[in-house]
N, C-alpha and C. Protein backbone atom coordinates (compact mmCIF):
# COMPACT_ATOMS: atom_id res chain seq x y z
N MET A 1 -92.35 -106.29 -34.54
CA MET A 1 -92.71 -106.45 -33.14
C MET A 1 -93.20 -107.88 -32.92
N ALA A 2 -92.71 -108.51 -31.86
CA ALA A 2 -93.10 -109.89 -31.56
C ALA A 2 -94.52 -109.94 -31.02
N ALA A 3 -95.24 -110.96 -31.42
CA ALA A 3 -96.62 -111.14 -30.95
C ALA A 3 -96.62 -111.61 -29.51
N LYS A 4 -97.59 -111.14 -28.75
CA LYS A 4 -97.73 -111.59 -27.36
C LYS A 4 -98.14 -113.05 -27.33
N LYS A 5 -97.56 -113.79 -26.39
CA LYS A 5 -97.96 -115.17 -26.22
C LYS A 5 -99.33 -115.19 -25.54
N ARG A 6 -100.23 -115.96 -26.08
CA ARG A 6 -101.58 -116.04 -25.52
C ARG A 6 -101.56 -116.79 -24.20
N LYS A 7 -102.27 -116.25 -23.22
CA LYS A 7 -102.36 -116.89 -21.91
C LYS A 7 -103.35 -118.04 -21.99
N PRO A 8 -103.09 -119.10 -21.22
CA PRO A 8 -104.04 -120.22 -21.19
C PRO A 8 -105.39 -119.76 -20.63
N GLU A 9 -106.42 -120.39 -21.09
CA GLU A 9 -107.78 -120.05 -20.66
C GLU A 9 -108.31 -121.15 -19.76
N ILE A 10 -108.96 -120.74 -18.68
CA ILE A 10 -109.63 -121.67 -17.77
C ILE A 10 -111.10 -121.25 -17.72
N ARG A 11 -111.98 -122.17 -17.93
CA ARG A 11 -113.41 -121.86 -17.90
C ARG A 11 -114.01 -122.51 -16.64
N VAL A 12 -114.77 -121.72 -15.90
CA VAL A 12 -115.44 -122.24 -14.70
C VAL A 12 -116.91 -121.86 -14.76
N PHE A 13 -117.71 -122.64 -14.11
CA PHE A 13 -119.14 -122.37 -14.00
C PHE A 13 -119.43 -122.06 -12.53
N VAL A 14 -120.11 -120.95 -12.28
CA VAL A 14 -120.42 -120.53 -10.92
C VAL A 14 -121.91 -120.27 -10.80
N GLU A 15 -122.38 -120.24 -9.60
CA GLU A 15 -123.78 -119.92 -9.34
C GLU A 15 -124.03 -118.46 -9.71
N GLU A 16 -125.29 -118.15 -10.06
CA GLU A 16 -125.63 -116.81 -10.52
C GLU A 16 -125.34 -115.73 -9.49
N ASP A 17 -125.58 -116.01 -8.21
CA ASP A 17 -125.31 -114.99 -7.19
C ASP A 17 -123.81 -114.70 -7.07
N LEU A 18 -122.99 -115.72 -7.22
CA LEU A 18 -121.54 -115.53 -7.18
C LEU A 18 -121.08 -114.75 -8.41
N ASP A 19 -121.65 -115.03 -9.56
CA ASP A 19 -121.34 -114.31 -10.79
C ASP A 19 -121.63 -112.82 -10.62
N ARG A 20 -122.80 -112.50 -10.09
CA ARG A 20 -123.18 -111.10 -9.89
C ARG A 20 -122.23 -110.41 -8.91
N ARG A 21 -121.90 -111.11 -7.83
CA ARG A 21 -121.02 -110.54 -6.81
C ARG A 21 -119.62 -110.29 -7.37
N LEU A 22 -119.10 -111.26 -8.14
CA LEU A 22 -117.76 -111.10 -8.73
C LEU A 22 -117.73 -109.93 -9.72
N LYS A 23 -118.76 -109.83 -10.56
CA LYS A 23 -118.81 -108.72 -11.52
C LYS A 23 -118.90 -107.38 -10.81
N ALA A 24 -119.67 -107.31 -9.74
CA ALA A 24 -119.78 -106.06 -8.97
C ALA A 24 -118.44 -105.71 -8.34
N LEU A 25 -117.77 -106.68 -7.75
CA LEU A 25 -116.46 -106.44 -7.15
C LEU A 25 -115.43 -105.99 -8.18
N ALA A 26 -115.44 -106.62 -9.33
CA ALA A 26 -114.51 -106.24 -10.39
C ALA A 26 -114.76 -104.78 -10.79
N GLY A 27 -116.01 -104.39 -10.91
CA GLY A 27 -116.34 -103.02 -11.25
C GLY A 27 -115.89 -102.04 -10.18
N LEU A 28 -116.12 -102.39 -8.92
CA LEU A 28 -115.72 -101.52 -7.82
C LEU A 28 -114.21 -101.37 -7.74
N LYS A 29 -113.48 -102.44 -8.09
CA LYS A 29 -112.02 -102.40 -8.05
C LYS A 29 -111.42 -101.86 -9.34
N ASP A 30 -112.28 -101.53 -10.30
CA ASP A 30 -111.84 -101.03 -11.61
C ASP A 30 -110.86 -102.01 -12.28
N THR A 31 -111.26 -103.28 -12.28
CA THR A 31 -110.47 -104.32 -12.93
C THR A 31 -111.41 -105.20 -13.74
N SER A 32 -110.85 -106.11 -14.49
CA SER A 32 -111.68 -107.04 -15.25
C SER A 32 -112.06 -108.22 -14.37
N LEU A 33 -113.05 -108.94 -14.81
CA LEU A 33 -113.44 -110.16 -14.11
C LEU A 33 -112.27 -111.15 -14.10
N SER A 34 -111.58 -111.23 -15.23
CA SER A 34 -110.41 -112.11 -15.33
C SER A 34 -109.32 -111.68 -14.34
N GLY A 35 -109.08 -110.38 -14.23
CA GLY A 35 -108.08 -109.89 -13.29
C GLY A 35 -108.44 -110.21 -11.86
N LEU A 36 -109.72 -110.06 -11.52
CA LEU A 36 -110.19 -110.36 -10.17
C LEU A 36 -110.02 -111.84 -9.86
N VAL A 37 -110.39 -112.71 -10.78
CA VAL A 37 -110.29 -114.15 -10.56
C VAL A 37 -108.81 -114.57 -10.48
N ASN A 38 -107.95 -113.98 -11.32
CA ASN A 38 -106.52 -114.27 -11.23
C ASN A 38 -105.97 -113.90 -9.85
N GLU A 39 -106.39 -112.74 -9.36
CA GLU A 39 -105.97 -112.29 -8.03
C GLU A 39 -106.42 -113.28 -6.95
N ALA A 40 -107.65 -113.74 -7.06
CA ALA A 40 -108.19 -114.69 -6.08
C ALA A 40 -107.44 -116.03 -6.12
N ILE A 41 -107.13 -116.50 -7.32
CA ILE A 41 -106.41 -117.77 -7.46
C ILE A 41 -105.01 -117.64 -6.88
N GLU A 42 -104.31 -116.54 -7.20
CA GLU A 42 -102.97 -116.34 -6.64
C GLU A 42 -103.02 -116.27 -5.12
N PHE A 43 -104.01 -115.56 -4.58
CA PHE A 43 -104.15 -115.47 -3.13
C PHE A 43 -104.35 -116.86 -2.52
N TYR A 44 -105.22 -117.65 -3.12
CA TYR A 44 -105.49 -119.00 -2.64
C TYR A 44 -104.21 -119.84 -2.64
N ILE A 45 -103.51 -119.83 -3.76
CA ILE A 45 -102.30 -120.65 -3.87
C ILE A 45 -101.23 -120.20 -2.87
N ASN A 46 -101.11 -118.90 -2.67
CA ASN A 46 -100.05 -118.39 -1.80
C ASN A 46 -100.40 -118.40 -0.32
N HIS A 47 -101.67 -118.51 0.05
CA HIS A 47 -102.07 -118.40 1.46
C HIS A 47 -102.83 -119.61 2.00
N ASN A 48 -103.11 -120.58 1.18
CA ASN A 48 -103.83 -121.76 1.65
C ASN A 48 -102.82 -122.83 2.05
N ALA A 49 -102.86 -123.25 3.32
CA ALA A 49 -101.88 -124.19 3.85
C ALA A 49 -101.88 -125.52 3.08
N GLU A 50 -103.04 -126.03 2.74
CA GLU A 50 -103.12 -127.29 2.01
C GLU A 50 -102.51 -127.16 0.61
N ALA A 51 -102.80 -126.05 -0.07
CA ALA A 51 -102.21 -125.82 -1.39
C ALA A 51 -100.70 -125.73 -1.29
N GLN A 52 -100.22 -125.01 -0.29
CA GLN A 52 -98.77 -124.88 -0.10
C GLN A 52 -98.12 -126.24 0.19
N ARG A 53 -98.78 -127.05 0.98
CA ARG A 53 -98.24 -128.37 1.30
C ARG A 53 -98.13 -129.22 0.03
N LEU A 54 -99.15 -129.20 -0.81
CA LEU A 54 -99.14 -129.98 -2.05
C LEU A 54 -98.09 -129.45 -3.02
N ILE A 55 -97.95 -128.13 -3.10
CA ILE A 55 -96.94 -127.54 -3.98
C ILE A 55 -95.54 -128.01 -3.57
N LYS A 56 -95.28 -127.99 -2.28
CA LYS A 56 -93.96 -128.44 -1.80
C LYS A 56 -93.79 -129.95 -1.98
N ARG A 57 -94.80 -130.72 -1.63
CA ARG A 57 -94.71 -132.18 -1.71
C ARG A 57 -94.45 -132.68 -3.13
N PHE A 58 -95.08 -132.05 -4.11
CA PHE A 58 -94.96 -132.51 -5.49
C PHE A 58 -94.07 -131.60 -6.35
N ASN A 59 -93.27 -130.77 -5.67
CA ASN A 59 -92.29 -129.91 -6.35
C ASN A 59 -92.93 -129.09 -7.47
N LEU A 60 -93.99 -128.39 -7.16
CA LEU A 60 -94.71 -127.59 -8.15
C LEU A 60 -94.30 -126.12 -8.15
N GLU A 61 -93.19 -125.78 -7.45
CA GLU A 61 -92.77 -124.39 -7.37
C GLU A 61 -92.46 -123.81 -8.73
N ASP A 62 -91.78 -124.57 -9.58
CA ASP A 62 -91.37 -124.06 -10.89
C ASP A 62 -91.66 -125.10 -11.94
N LEU A 63 -92.69 -124.87 -12.73
CA LEU A 63 -93.05 -125.80 -13.79
C LEU A 63 -92.70 -125.23 -15.17
N SER A 64 -91.85 -124.21 -15.20
CA SER A 64 -91.54 -123.54 -16.47
C SER A 64 -90.88 -124.48 -17.48
N ASP A 65 -90.17 -125.49 -17.02
CA ASP A 65 -89.53 -126.41 -17.95
C ASP A 65 -90.53 -127.37 -18.60
N LEU A 66 -91.79 -127.33 -18.16
CA LEU A 66 -92.83 -128.19 -18.74
C LEU A 66 -93.62 -127.49 -19.84
N GLU A 67 -93.26 -126.23 -20.14
CA GLU A 67 -93.99 -125.48 -21.17
C GLU A 67 -93.89 -126.18 -22.51
N GLU A 68 -94.95 -126.05 -23.28
CA GLU A 68 -95.01 -126.70 -24.60
C GLU A 68 -94.21 -125.96 -25.61
């Protein structure tokens, strides 16, 4: 059986109140903190006009050919 490719890790520092709120939301949604943050990042990238403008301007739609 082939080993799963490890996903890249991103570390962020947040204020304590935001940390508590995110952990509570993850629990209520029955997901992990990582899953919740991934969902939030995807939502931001897909629904934020400025992010969409930058993605189009710098051709960031498909970066798969840049994989190591």
